[in-house]
């Protein structure tokens, strides 16, 4: 279930210029947001 993001990075993480574009994200682990799901293929 890809999630659409309008940017390739979080705006507060920008350290330099470059081309930004949308991307699709599927988060499996994020300790700040309490997400923890790793599919078997990723565990392997």
ModelCIF file with pLDDT and N, C-alpha, C, O atoms, coordinates in Angstrom:
data_MODEL
#
_entry.id   MODEL 
#
_entity.id                         1 
_entity.type                       polymer 
_entity.pdbx_number_of_molecules   1 
#
_entity_poly.entity_id                      1 
_entity_poly.type                           'polypeptide(L)' 
_entity_poly.nstd_linkage                   no 
_entity_poly.nstd_monomer                   no 
_entity_poly.pdbx_seq_one_letter_code       
;(UNK)(UNK)(UNK)(UNK)(UNK)(UNK)(UNK)(UNK)(UNK)(UNK)(UNK)(UNK)(UNK)(UNK)(UNK)(UNK)
(UNK)(UNK)(UNK)(UNK)(UNK)(UNK)(UNK)(UNK)(UNK)(UNK)(UNK)(UNK)(UNK)(UNK)(UNK)(UNK)
(UNK)(UNK)(UNK)(UNK)(UNK)(UNK)(UNK)(UNK)(UNK)(UNK)(UNK)(UNK)
;
_entity_poly.pdbx_seq_one_letter_code_can   XXXXXXXXXXXXXXXXXXXXXXXXXXXXXXXXXXXXXXXXXXXX 
_entity_poly.pdbx_strand_id                 A 
#
loop_
_entity_poly_seq.entity_id 
_entity_poly_seq.num 
_entity_poly_seq.mon_id 
_entity_poly_seq.hetero 
1 1  UNK n 
1 2  UNK n 
1 3  UNK n 
1 4  UNK n 
1 5  UNK n 
1 6  UNK n 
1 7  UNK n 
1 8  UNK n 
1 9  UNK n 
1 10 UNK n 
1 11 UNK n 
1 12 UNK n 
1 13 UNK n 
1 14 UNK n 
1 15 UNK n 
1 16 UNK n 
1 17 UNK n 
1 18 UNK n 
1 19 UNK n 
1 20 UNK n 
1 21 UNK n 
1 22 UNK n 
1 23 UNK n 
1 24 UNK n 
1 25 UNK n 
1 26 UNK n 
1 27 UNK n 
1 28 UNK n 
1 29 UNK n 
1 30 UNK n 
1 31 UNK n 
1 32 UNK n 
1 33 UNK n 
1 34 UNK n 
1 35 UNK n 
1 36 UNK n 
1 37 UNK n 
1 38 UNK n 
1 39 UNK n 
1 40 UNK n 
1 41 UNK n 
1 42 UNK n 
1 43 UNK n 
1 44 UNK n 
#
_struct_asym.id          A 
_struct_asym.entity_id   1 
#
loop_
_ma_qa_metric.id 
_ma_qa_metric.mode 
_ma_qa_metric.name 
_ma_qa_metric.software_group_id 
_ma_qa_metric.type 
1 global pLDDT . pLDDT 
2 local  pLDDT . pLDDT 
#
_ma_qa_metric_global.metric_id      1 
_ma_qa_metric_global.metric_value   85.09 
_ma_qa_metric_global.model_id       1 
_ma_qa_metric_global.ordinal_id     1 
#
loop_
_ma_qa_metric_local.label_asym_id 
_ma_qa_metric_local.label_comp_id 
_ma_qa_metric_local.label_seq_id 
_ma_qa_metric_local.metric_id 
_ma_qa_metric_local.metric_value 
_ma_qa_metric_local.model_id 
_ma_qa_metric_local.ordinal_id 
A UNK 1  2 94.00 1 1  
A UNK 2  2 97.00 1 2  
A UNK 3  2 96.00 1 3  
A UNK 4  2 96.00 1 4  
A UNK 5  2 91.00 1 5  
A UNK 6  2 87.00 1 6  
A UNK 7  2 76.00 1 7  
A UNK 8  2 73.00 1 8  
A UNK 9  2 71.00 1 9  
A UNK 10 2 60.00 1 10 
A UNK 11 2 52.00 1 11 
A UNK 12 2 49.00 1 12 
A UNK 13 2 50.00 1 13 
A UNK 14 2 49.00 1 14 
A UNK 15 2 50.00 1 15 
A UNK 16 2 55.00 1 16 
A UNK 17 2 65.00 1 17 
A UNK 18 2 71.00 1 18 
A UNK 19 2 75.00 1 19 
A UNK 20 2 83.00 1 20 
A UNK 21 2 86.00 1 21 
A UNK 22 2 92.00 1 22 
A UNK 23 2 95.00 1 23 
A UNK 24 2 97.00 1 24 
A UNK 25 2 97.00 1 25 
A UNK 26 2 97.00 1 26 
A UNK 27 2 97.00 1 27 
A UNK 28 2 98.00 1 28 
A UNK 29 2 98.00 1 29 
A UNK 30 2 97.00 1 30 
A UNK 31 2 95.00 1 31 
A UNK 32 2 94.00 1 32 
A UNK 33 2 95.00 1 33 
A UNK 34 2 96.00 1 34 
A UNK 35 2 96.00 1 35 
A UNK 36 2 96.00 1 36 
A UNK 37 2 95.00 1 37 
A UNK 38 2 97.00 1 38 
A UNK 39 2 97.00 1 39 
A UNK 40 2 97.00 1 40 
A UNK 41 2 98.00 1 41 
A UNK 42 2 98.00 1 42 
A UNK 43 2 98.00 1 43 
A UNK 44 2 98.00 1 44 
#
loop_
_atom_site.group_PDB 
_atom_site.id 
_atom_site.type_symbol 
_atom_site.label_atom_id 
_atom_site.label_alt_id 
_atom_site.label_comp_id 
_atom_site.label_asym_id 
_atom_site.label_entity_id 
_atom_site.label_seq_id 
_atom_site.pdbx_PDB_ins_code 
_atom_site.Cartn_x 
_atom_site.Cartn_y 
_atom_site.Cartn_z 
_atom_site.occupancy 
_atom_site.B_iso_or_equiv 
_atom_site.pdbx_formal_charge 
_atom_site.auth_seq_id 
_atom_site.auth_comp_id 
_atom_site.auth_asym_id 
_atom_site.auth_atom_id 
_atom_site.pdbx_PDB_model_num 
ATOM 1   N N  . UNK A 1 1  ? 0.866  -1.183  0.000  1.00 94.00 ? 1  UNK A N  1 
ATOM 2   C CA . UNK A 1 1  ? 0.000  0.000   0.000  1.00 94.00 ? 1  UNK A CA 1 
ATOM 3   C C  . UNK A 1 1  ? 0.903  1.232   0.000  1.00 94.00 ? 1  UNK A C  1 
ATOM 4   O O  . UNK A 1 1  ? 1.185  1.817   1.046  1.00 94.00 ? 1  UNK A O  1 
ATOM 5   N N  . UNK A 1 2  ? 1.345  1.608   -1.194 1.00 97.00 ? 2  UNK A N  1 
ATOM 6   C CA . UNK A 1 2  ? 2.232  2.750   -1.323 1.00 97.00 ? 2  UNK A CA 1 
ATOM 7   C C  . UNK A 1 2  ? 1.509  4.025   -0.890 1.00 97.00 ? 2  UNK A C  1 
ATOM 8   O O  . UNK A 1 2  ? 0.339  4.226   -1.215 1.00 97.00 ? 2  UNK A O  1 
ATOM 9   N N  . UNK A 1 3  ? 2.211  4.873   -0.162 1.00 96.00 ? 3  UNK A N  1 
ATOM 10  C CA . UNK A 1 3  ? 1.705  6.171   0.272  1.00 96.00 ? 3  UNK A CA 1 
ATOM 11  C C  . UNK A 1 3  ? 2.395  7.248   -0.561 1.00 96.00 ? 3  UNK A C  1 
ATOM 12  O O  . UNK A 1 3  ? 3.619  7.260   -0.690 1.00 96.00 ? 3  UNK A O  1 
ATOM 13  N N  . UNK A 1 4  ? 1.600  8.144   -1.118 1.00 96.00 ? 4  UNK A N  1 
ATOM 14  C CA . UNK A 1 4  ? 2.145  9.225   -1.934 1.00 96.00 ? 4  UNK A CA 1 
ATOM 15  C C  . UNK A 1 4  ? 2.720  10.319  -1.049 1.00 96.00 ? 4  UNK A C  1 
ATOM 16  O O  . UNK A 1 4  ? 2.061  10.780  -0.117 1.00 96.00 ? 4  UNK A O  1 
ATOM 17  N N  . UNK A 1 5  ? 3.941  10.733  -1.335 1.00 91.00 ? 5  UNK A N  1 
ATOM 18  C CA . UNK A 1 5  ? 4.564  11.889  -0.684 1.00 91.00 ? 5  UNK A CA 1 
ATOM 19  C C  . UNK A 1 5  ? 4.858  12.917  -1.755 1.00 91.00 ? 5  UNK A C  1 
ATOM 20  O O  . UNK A 1 5  ? 5.325  12.567  -2.839 1.00 91.00 ? 5  UNK A O  1 
ATOM 21  N N  . UNK A 1 6  ? 4.597  14.153  -1.473 1.00 87.00 ? 6  UNK A N  1 
ATOM 22  C CA . UNK A 1 6  ? 4.815  15.223  -2.443 1.00 87.00 ? 6  UNK A CA 1 
ATOM 23  C C  . UNK A 1 6  ? 6.295  15.546  -2.637 1.00 87.00 ? 6  UNK A C  1 
ATOM 24  O O  . UNK A 1 6  ? 6.653  16.293  -3.547 1.00 87.00 ? 6  UNK A O  1 
ATOM 25  N N  . UNK A 1 7  ? 7.150  14.989  -1.790 1.00 76.00 ? 7  UNK A N  1 
ATOM 26  C CA . UNK A 1 7  ? 8.577  15.292  -1.810 1.00 76.00 ? 7  UNK A CA 1 
ATOM 27  C C  . UNK A 1 7  ? 9.366  14.018  -1.545 1.00 76.00 ? 7  UNK A C  1 
ATOM 28  O O  . UNK A 1 7  ? 8.837  13.070  -0.963 1.00 76.00 ? 7  UNK A O  1 
ATOM 29  N N  . UNK A 1 8  ? 10.629 13.987  -1.969 1.00 73.00 ? 8  UNK A N  1 
ATOM 30  C CA . UNK A 1 8  ? 11.461 12.816  -1.686 1.00 73.00 ? 8  UNK A CA 1 
ATOM 31  C C  . UNK A 1 8  ? 12.023 12.837  -0.279 1.00 73.00 ? 8  UNK A C  1 
ATOM 32  O O  . UNK A 1 8  ? 12.525 11.819  0.198  1.00 73.00 ? 8  UNK A O  1 
ATOM 33  N N  . UNK A 1 9  ? 11.952 13.972  0.394  1.00 71.00 ? 9  UNK A N  1 
ATOM 34  C CA . UNK A 1 9  ? 12.467 14.079  1.761  1.00 71.00 ? 9  UNK A CA 1 
ATOM 35  C C  . UNK A 1 9  ? 11.544 14.945  2.594  1.00 71.00 ? 9  UNK A C  1 
ATOM 36  O O  . UNK A 1 9  ? 10.674 15.635  2.062  1.00 71.00 ? 9  UNK A O  1 
ATOM 37  N N  . UNK A 1 10 ? 11.740 14.906  3.920  1.00 60.00 ? 10 UNK A N  1 
ATOM 38  C CA . UNK A 1 10 ? 11.025 15.828  4.794  1.00 60.00 ? 10 UNK A CA 1 
ATOM 39  C C  . UNK A 1 10 ? 11.637 17.207  4.595  1.00 60.00 ? 10 UNK A C  1 
ATOM 40  O O  . UNK A 1 10 ? 12.860 17.333  4.538  1.00 60.00 ? 10 UNK A O  1 
ATOM 41  N N  . UNK A 1 11 ? 10.829 18.219  4.491  1.00 52.00 ? 11 UNK A N  1 
ATOM 42  C CA . UNK A 1 11 ? 11.324 19.566  4.202  1.00 52.00 ? 11 UNK A CA 1 
ATOM 43  C C  . UNK A 1 11 ? 12.348 20.049  5.233  1.00 52.00 ? 11 UNK A C  1 
ATOM 44  O O  . UNK A 1 11 ? 13.230 20.836  4.889  1.00 52.00 ? 11 UNK A O  1 
ATOM 45  N N  . UNK A 1 12 ? 12.253 19.602  6.475  1.00 49.00 ? 12 UNK A N  1 
ATOM 46  C CA . UNK A 1 12 ? 13.211 20.060  7.483  1.00 49.00 ? 12 UNK A CA 1 
ATOM 47  C C  . UNK A 1 12 ? 14.549 19.320  7.378  1.00 49.00 ? 12 UNK A C  1 
ATOM 48  O O  . UNK A 1 12 ? 15.486 19.651  8.105  1.00 49.00 ? 12 UNK A O  1 
ATOM 49  N N  . UNK A 1 13 ? 14.659 18.321  6.484  1.00 50.00 ? 13 UNK A N  1 
ATOM 50  C CA . UNK A 1 13 ? 15.907 17.584  6.317  1.00 50.00 ? 13 UNK A CA 1 
ATOM 51  C C  . UNK A 1 13 ? 16.758 18.115  5.177  1.00 50.00 ? 13 UNK A C  1 
ATOM 52  O O  . UNK A 1 13 ? 17.828 17.569  4.909  1.00 50.00 ? 13 UNK A O  1 
ATOM 53  N N  . UNK A 1 14 ? 16.322 19.147  4.511  1.00 49.00 ? 14 UNK A N  1 
ATOM 54  C CA . UNK A 1 14 ? 17.063 19.675  3.372  1.00 49.00 ? 14 UNK A CA 1 
ATOM 55  C C  . UNK A 1 14 ? 18.382 20.271  3.844  1.00 49.00 ? 14 UNK A C  1 
ATOM 56  O O  . UNK A 1 14 ? 18.412 21.099  4.755  1.00 49.00 ? 14 UNK A O  1 
ATOM 57  N N  . UNK A 1 15 ? 19.470 19.839  3.214  1.00 50.00 ? 15 UNK A N  1 
ATOM 58  C CA . UNK A 1 15 ? 20.783 20.395  3.529  1.00 50.00 ? 15 UNK A CA 1 
ATOM 59  C C  . UNK A 1 15 ? 21.372 21.120  2.331  1.00 50.00 ? 15 UNK A C  1 
ATOM 60  O O  . UNK A 1 15 ? 22.371 21.825  2.478  1.00 50.00 ? 15 UNK A O  1 
ATOM 61  N N  . UNK A 1 16 ? 20.796 20.971  1.171  1.00 55.00 ? 16 UNK A N  1 
ATOM 62  C CA . UNK A 1 16 ? 21.340 21.598  -0.022 1.00 55.00 ? 16 UNK A CA 1 
ATOM 63  C C  . UNK A 1 16 ? 20.278 21.603  -1.104 1.00 55.00 ? 16 UNK A C  1 
ATOM 64  O O  . UNK A 1 16 ? 19.194 21.043  -0.941 1.00 55.00 ? 16 UNK A O  1 
ATOM 65  N N  . UNK A 1 17 ? 20.613 22.248  -2.213 1.00 65.00 ? 17 UNK A N  1 
ATOM 66  C CA . UNK A 1 17 ? 19.652 22.294  -3.307 1.00 65.00 ? 17 UNK A CA 1 
ATOM 67  C C  . UNK A 1 17 ? 19.679 21.006  -4.125 1.00 65.00 ? 17 UNK A C  1 
ATOM 68  O O  . UNK A 1 17 ? 20.518 20.133  -3.904 1.00 65.00 ? 17 UNK A O  1 
ATOM 69  N N  . UNK A 1 18 ? 18.778 20.905  -5.042 1.00 71.00 ? 18 UNK A N  1 
ATOM 70  C CA . UNK A 1 18 ? 18.649 19.743  -5.913 1.00 71.00 ? 18 UNK A CA 1 
ATOM 71  C C  . UNK A 1 18 ? 17.231 19.705  -6.429 1.00 71.00 ? 18 UNK A C  1 
ATOM 72  O O  . UNK A 1 18 ? 16.412 20.562  -6.098 1.00 71.00 ? 18 UNK A O  1 
ATOM 73  N N  . UNK A 1 19 ? 16.952 18.718  -7.230 1.00 75.00 ? 19 UNK A N  1 
ATOM 74  C CA . UNK A 1 19 ? 15.622 18.576  -7.810 1.00 75.00 ? 19 UNK A CA 1 
ATOM 75  C C  . UNK A 1 19 ? 14.774 17.736  -6.872 1.00 75.00 ? 19 UNK A C  1 
ATOM 76  O O  . UNK A 1 19 ? 15.178 16.644  -6.470 1.00 75.00 ? 19 UNK A O  1 
ATOM 77  N N  . UNK A 1 20 ? 13.614 18.238  -6.528 1.00 83.00 ? 20 UNK A N  1 
ATOM 78  C CA . UNK A 1 20 ? 12.713 17.454  -5.690 1.00 83.00 ? 20 UNK A CA 1 
ATOM 79  C C  . UNK A 1 20 ? 11.596 16.916  -6.564 1.00 83.00 ? 20 UNK A C  1 
ATOM 80  O O  . UNK A 1 20 ? 11.222 17.527  -7.565 1.00 83.00 ? 20 UNK A O  1 
ATOM 81  N N  . UNK A 1 21 ? 11.081 15.794  -6.184 1.00 86.00 ? 21 UNK A N  1 
ATOM 82  C CA . UNK A 1 21 ? 9.983  15.200  -6.937 1.00 86.00 ? 21 UNK A CA 1 
ATOM 83  C C  . UNK A 1 21 ? 9.158  14.346  -5.994 1.00 86.00 ? 21 UNK A C  1 
ATOM 84  O O  . UNK A 1 21 ? 9.632  13.990  -4.915 1.00 86.00 ? 21 UNK A O  1 
ATOM 85  N N  . UNK A 1 22 ? 7.946  14.012  -6.372 1.00 92.00 ? 22 UNK A N  1 
ATOM 86  C CA . UNK A 1 22 ? 7.127  13.130  -5.545 1.00 92.00 ? 22 UNK A CA 1 
ATOM 87  C C  . UNK A 1 22 ? 7.702  11.718  -5.514 1.00 92.00 ? 22 UNK A C  1 
ATOM 88  O O  . UNK A 1 22 ? 8.421  11.306  -6.424 1.00 92.00 ? 22 UNK A O  1 
ATOM 89  N N  . UNK A 1 23 ? 7.378  11.000  -4.472 1.00 95.00 ? 23 UNK A N  1 
ATOM 90  C CA . UNK A 1 23 ? 7.732  9.592   -4.399 1.00 95.00 ? 23 UNK A CA 1 
ATOM 91  C C  . UNK A 1 23 ? 6.645  8.854   -3.628 1.00 95.00 ? 23 UNK A C  1 
ATOM 92  O O  . UNK A 1 23 ? 5.830  9.456   -2.929 1.00 95.00 ? 23 UNK A O  1 
ATOM 93  N N  . UNK A 1 24 ? 6.656  7.550   -3.774 1.00 97.00 ? 24 UNK A N  1 
ATOM 94  C CA . UNK A 1 24 ? 5.760  6.682   -3.032 1.00 97.00 ? 24 UNK A CA 1 
ATOM 95  C C  . UNK A 1 24 ? 6.574  5.980   -1.963 1.00 97.00 ? 24 UNK A C  1 
ATOM 96  O O  . UNK A 1 24 ? 7.699  5.546   -2.213 1.00 97.00 ? 24 UNK A O  1 
ATOM 97  N N  . UNK A 1 25 ? 6.001  5.866   -0.759 1.00 97.00 ? 25 UNK A N  1 
ATOM 98  C CA . UNK A 1 25 ? 6.720  5.323   0.394  1.00 97.00 ? 25 UNK A CA 1 
ATOM 99  C C  . UNK A 1 25 ? 5.899  4.223   1.043  1.00 97.00 ? 25 UNK A C  1 
ATOM 100 O O  . UNK A 1 25 ? 4.674  4.306   1.119  1.00 97.00 ? 25 UNK A O  1 
ATOM 101 N N  . UNK A 1 26 ? 6.587  3.198   1.508  1.00 97.00 ? 26 UNK A N  1 
ATOM 102 C CA . UNK A 1 26 ? 5.981  2.142   2.308  1.00 97.00 ? 26 UNK A CA 1 
ATOM 103 C C  . UNK A 1 26 ? 6.865  1.981   3.536  1.00 97.00 ? 26 UNK A C  1 
ATOM 104 O O  . UNK A 1 26 ? 7.947  1.399   3.453  1.00 97.00 ? 26 UNK A O  1 
ATOM 105 N N  . UNK A 1 27 ? 6.405  2.500   4.689  1.00 97.00 ? 27 UNK A N  1 
ATOM 106 C CA . UNK A 1 27 ? 7.196  2.467   5.916  1.00 97.00 ? 27 UNK A CA 1 
ATOM 107 C C  . UNK A 1 27 ? 6.958  1.155   6.651  1.00 97.00 ? 27 UNK A C  1 
ATOM 108 O O  . UNK A 1 27 ? 5.819  0.746   6.878  1.00 97.00 ? 27 UNK A O  1 
ATOM 109 N N  . UNK A 1 28 ? 8.068  0.502   7.020  1.00 98.00 ? 28 UNK A N  1 
ATOM 110 C CA . UNK A 1 28 ? 7.992  -0.775  7.743  1.00 98.00 ? 28 UNK A CA 1 
ATOM 111 C C  . UNK A 1 28 ? 8.411  -0.633  9.202  1.00 98.00 ? 28 UNK A C  1 
ATOM 112 O O  . UNK A 1 28 ? 7.854  -1.288  10.082 1.00 98.00 ? 28 UNK A O  1 
ATOM 113 N N  . UNK A 1 29 ? 9.398  0.228   9.451  1.00 98.00 ? 29 UNK A N  1 
ATOM 114 C CA . UNK A 1 29 ? 9.850  0.494   10.818 1.00 98.00 ? 29 UNK A CA 1 
ATOM 115 C C  . UNK A 1 29 ? 10.073 1.994   10.952 1.00 98.00 ? 29 UNK A C  1 
ATOM 116 O O  . UNK A 1 29 ? 10.732 2.616   10.119 1.00 98.00 ? 29 UNK A O  1 
ATOM 117 N N  . UNK A 1 30 ? 9.520  2.554   12.000 1.00 97.00 ? 30 UNK A N  1 
ATOM 118 C CA . UNK A 1 30 ? 9.781  3.947   12.350 1.00 97.00 ? 30 UNK A CA 1 
ATOM 119 C C  . UNK A 1 30 ? 9.587  4.053   13.855 1.00 97.00 ? 30 UNK A C  1 
ATOM 120 O O  . UNK A 1 30 ? 8.456  4.066   14.341 1.00 97.00 ? 30 UNK A O  1 
ATOM 121 N N  . UNK A 1 31 ? 10.690 4.128   14.592 1.00 95.00 ? 31 UNK A N  1 
ATOM 122 C CA . UNK A 1 31 ? 10.599 4.117   16.056 1.00 95.00 ? 31 UNK A CA 1 
ATOM 123 C C  . UNK A 1 31 ? 9.877  5.350   16.591 1.00 95.00 ? 31 UNK A C  1 
ATOM 124 O O  . UNK A 1 31 ? 9.224  5.275   17.632 1.00 95.00 ? 31 UNK A O  1 
ATOM 125 N N  . UNK A 1 32 ? 9.983  6.483   15.899 1.00 94.00 ? 32 UNK A N  1 
ATOM 126 C CA . UNK A 1 32 ? 9.299  7.690   16.354 1.00 94.00 ? 32 UNK A CA 1 
ATOM 127 C C  . UNK A 1 32 ? 7.782  7.582   16.215 1.00 94.00 ? 32 UNK A C  1 
ATOM 128 O O  . UNK A 1 32 ? 7.041  8.191   16.986 1.00 94.00 ? 32 UNK A O  1 
ATOM 129 N N  . UNK A 1 33 ? 7.325  6.812   15.238 1.00 95.00 ? 33 UNK A N  1 
ATOM 130 C CA . UNK A 1 33 ? 5.876  6.686   15.006 1.00 95.00 ? 33 UNK A CA 1 
ATOM 131 C C  . UNK A 1 33 ? 5.333  5.329   15.448 1.00 95.00 ? 33 UNK A C  1 
ATOM 132 O O  . UNK A 1 33 ? 4.179  5.005   15.167 1.00 95.00 ? 33 UNK A O  1 
ATOM 133 N N  . UNK A 1 34 ? 6.142  4.542   16.130 1.00 96.00 ? 34 UNK A N  1 
ATOM 134 C CA . UNK A 1 34 ? 5.719  3.245   16.655 1.00 96.00 ? 34 UNK A CA 1 
ATOM 135 C C  . UNK A 1 34 ? 5.243  2.284   15.557 1.00 96.00 ? 34 UNK A C  1 
ATOM 136 O O  . UNK A 1 34 ? 4.270  1.553   15.746 1.00 96.00 ? 34 UNK A O  1 
ATOM 137 N N  . UNK A 1 35 ? 5.924  2.289   14.426 1.00 96.00 ? 35 UNK A N  1 
ATOM 138 C CA . UNK A 1 35 ? 5.616  1.374   13.329 1.00 96.00 ? 35 UNK A CA 1 
ATOM 139 C C  . UNK A 1 35 ? 6.669  0.285   13.336 1.00 96.00 ? 35 UNK A C  1 
ATOM 140 O O  . UNK A 1 35 ? 7.865  0.573   13.362 1.00 96.00 ? 35 UNK A O  1 
ATOM 141 N N  . UNK A 1 36 ? 6.231  -0.973  13.315 1.00 96.00 ? 36 UNK A N  1 
ATOM 142 C CA . UNK A 1 36 ? 7.171  -2.088  13.319 1.00 96.00 ? 36 UNK A CA 1 
ATOM 143 C C  . UNK A 1 36 ? 6.559  -3.278  12.608 1.00 96.00 ? 36 UNK A C  1 
ATOM 144 O O  . UNK A 1 36 ? 5.893  -4.107  13.228 1.00 96.00 ? 36 UNK A O  1 
ATOM 145 N N  . UNK A 1 37 ? 6.785  -3.360  11.317 1.00 95.00 ? 37 UNK A N  1 
ATOM 146 C CA . UNK A 1 37 ? 6.304  -4.476  10.511 1.00 95.00 ? 37 UNK A CA 1 
ATOM 147 C C  . UNK A 1 37 ? 7.339  -4.785  9.447  1.00 95.00 ? 37 UNK A C  1 
ATOM 148 O O  . UNK A 1 37 ? 7.541  -3.988  8.531  1.00 95.00 ? 37 UNK A O  1 
ATOM 149 N N  . UNK A 1 38 ? 7.995  -5.927  9.553  1.00 97.00 ? 38 UNK A N  1 
ATOM 150 C CA . UNK A 1 38 ? 8.942  -6.346  8.527  1.00 97.00 ? 38 UNK A CA 1 
ATOM 151 C C  . UNK A 1 38 ? 8.415  -7.610  7.859  1.00 97.00 ? 38 UNK A C  1 
ATOM 152 O O  . UNK A 1 38 ? 8.233  -8.628  8.528  1.00 97.00 ? 38 UNK A O  1 
ATOM 153 N N  . UNK A 1 39 ? 8.168  -7.565  6.555  1.00 97.00 ? 39 UNK A N  1 
ATOM 154 C CA . UNK A 1 39 ? 7.756  -8.770  5.839  1.00 97.00 ? 39 UNK A CA 1 
ATOM 155 C C  . UNK A 1 39 ? 8.867  -9.825  5.898  1.00 97.00 ? 39 UNK A C  1 
ATOM 156 O O  . UNK A 1 39 ? 10.040 -9.490  6.061  1.00 97.00 ? 39 UNK A O  1 
ATOM 157 N N  . UNK A 1 40 ? 8.492  -11.083 5.767  1.00 97.00 ? 40 UNK A N  1 
ATOM 158 C CA . UNK A 1 40 ? 9.468  -12.177 5.842  1.00 97.00 ? 40 UNK A CA 1 
ATOM 159 C C  . UNK A 1 40 ? 10.629 -11.989 4.877  1.00 97.00 ? 40 UNK A C  1 
ATOM 160 O O  . UNK A 1 40 ? 11.773 -12.275 5.229  1.00 97.00 ? 40 UNK A O  1 
ATOM 161 N N  . UNK A 1 41 ? 10.355 -11.515 3.670  1.00 98.00 ? 41 UNK A N  1 
ATOM 162 C CA . UNK A 1 41 ? 11.432 -11.344 2.695  1.00 98.00 ? 41 UNK A CA 1 
ATOM 163 C C  . UNK A 1 41 ? 12.445 -10.299 3.161  1.00 98.00 ? 41 UNK A C  1 
ATOM 164 O O  . UNK A 1 41 ? 13.635 -10.428 2.877  1.00 98.00 ? 41 UNK A O  1 
ATOM 165 N N  . UNK A 1 42 ? 11.987 -9.263  3.874  1.00 98.00 ? 42 UNK A N  1 
ATOM 166 C CA . UNK A 1 42 ? 12.902 -8.237  4.381  1.00 98.00 ? 42 UNK A CA 1 
ATOM 167 C C  . UNK A 1 42 ? 13.679 -8.780  5.579  1.00 98.00 ? 42 UNK A C  1 
ATOM 168 O O  . UNK A 1 42 ? 14.858 -8.463  5.740  1.00 98.00 ? 42 UNK A O  1 
ATOM 169 N N  . UNK A 1 43 ? 13.045 -9.584  6.412  1.00 98.00 ? 43 UNK A N  1 
ATOM 170 C CA . UNK A 1 43 ? 13.752 -10.231 7.529  1.00 98.00 ? 43 UNK A CA 1 
ATOM 171 C C  . UNK A 1 43 ? 14.861 -11.128 6.976  1.00 98.00 ? 43 UNK A C  1 
ATOM 172 O O  . UNK A 1 43 ? 15.973 -11.124 7.502  1.00 98.00 ? 43 UNK A O  1 
ATOM 173 N N  . UNK A 1 44 ? 14.574 -11.891 5.929  1.00 98.00 ? 44 UNK A N  1 
ATOM 174 C CA . UNK A 1 44 ? 15.595 -12.751 5.319  1.00 98.00 ? 44 UNK A CA 1 
ATOM 175 C C  . UNK A 1 44 ? 16.739 -11.921 4.733  1.00 98.00 ? 44 UNK A C  1 
ATOM 176 O O  . UNK A 1 44 ? 17.686 -12.480 4.179  1.00 98.00 ? 44 UNK A O  1 
#
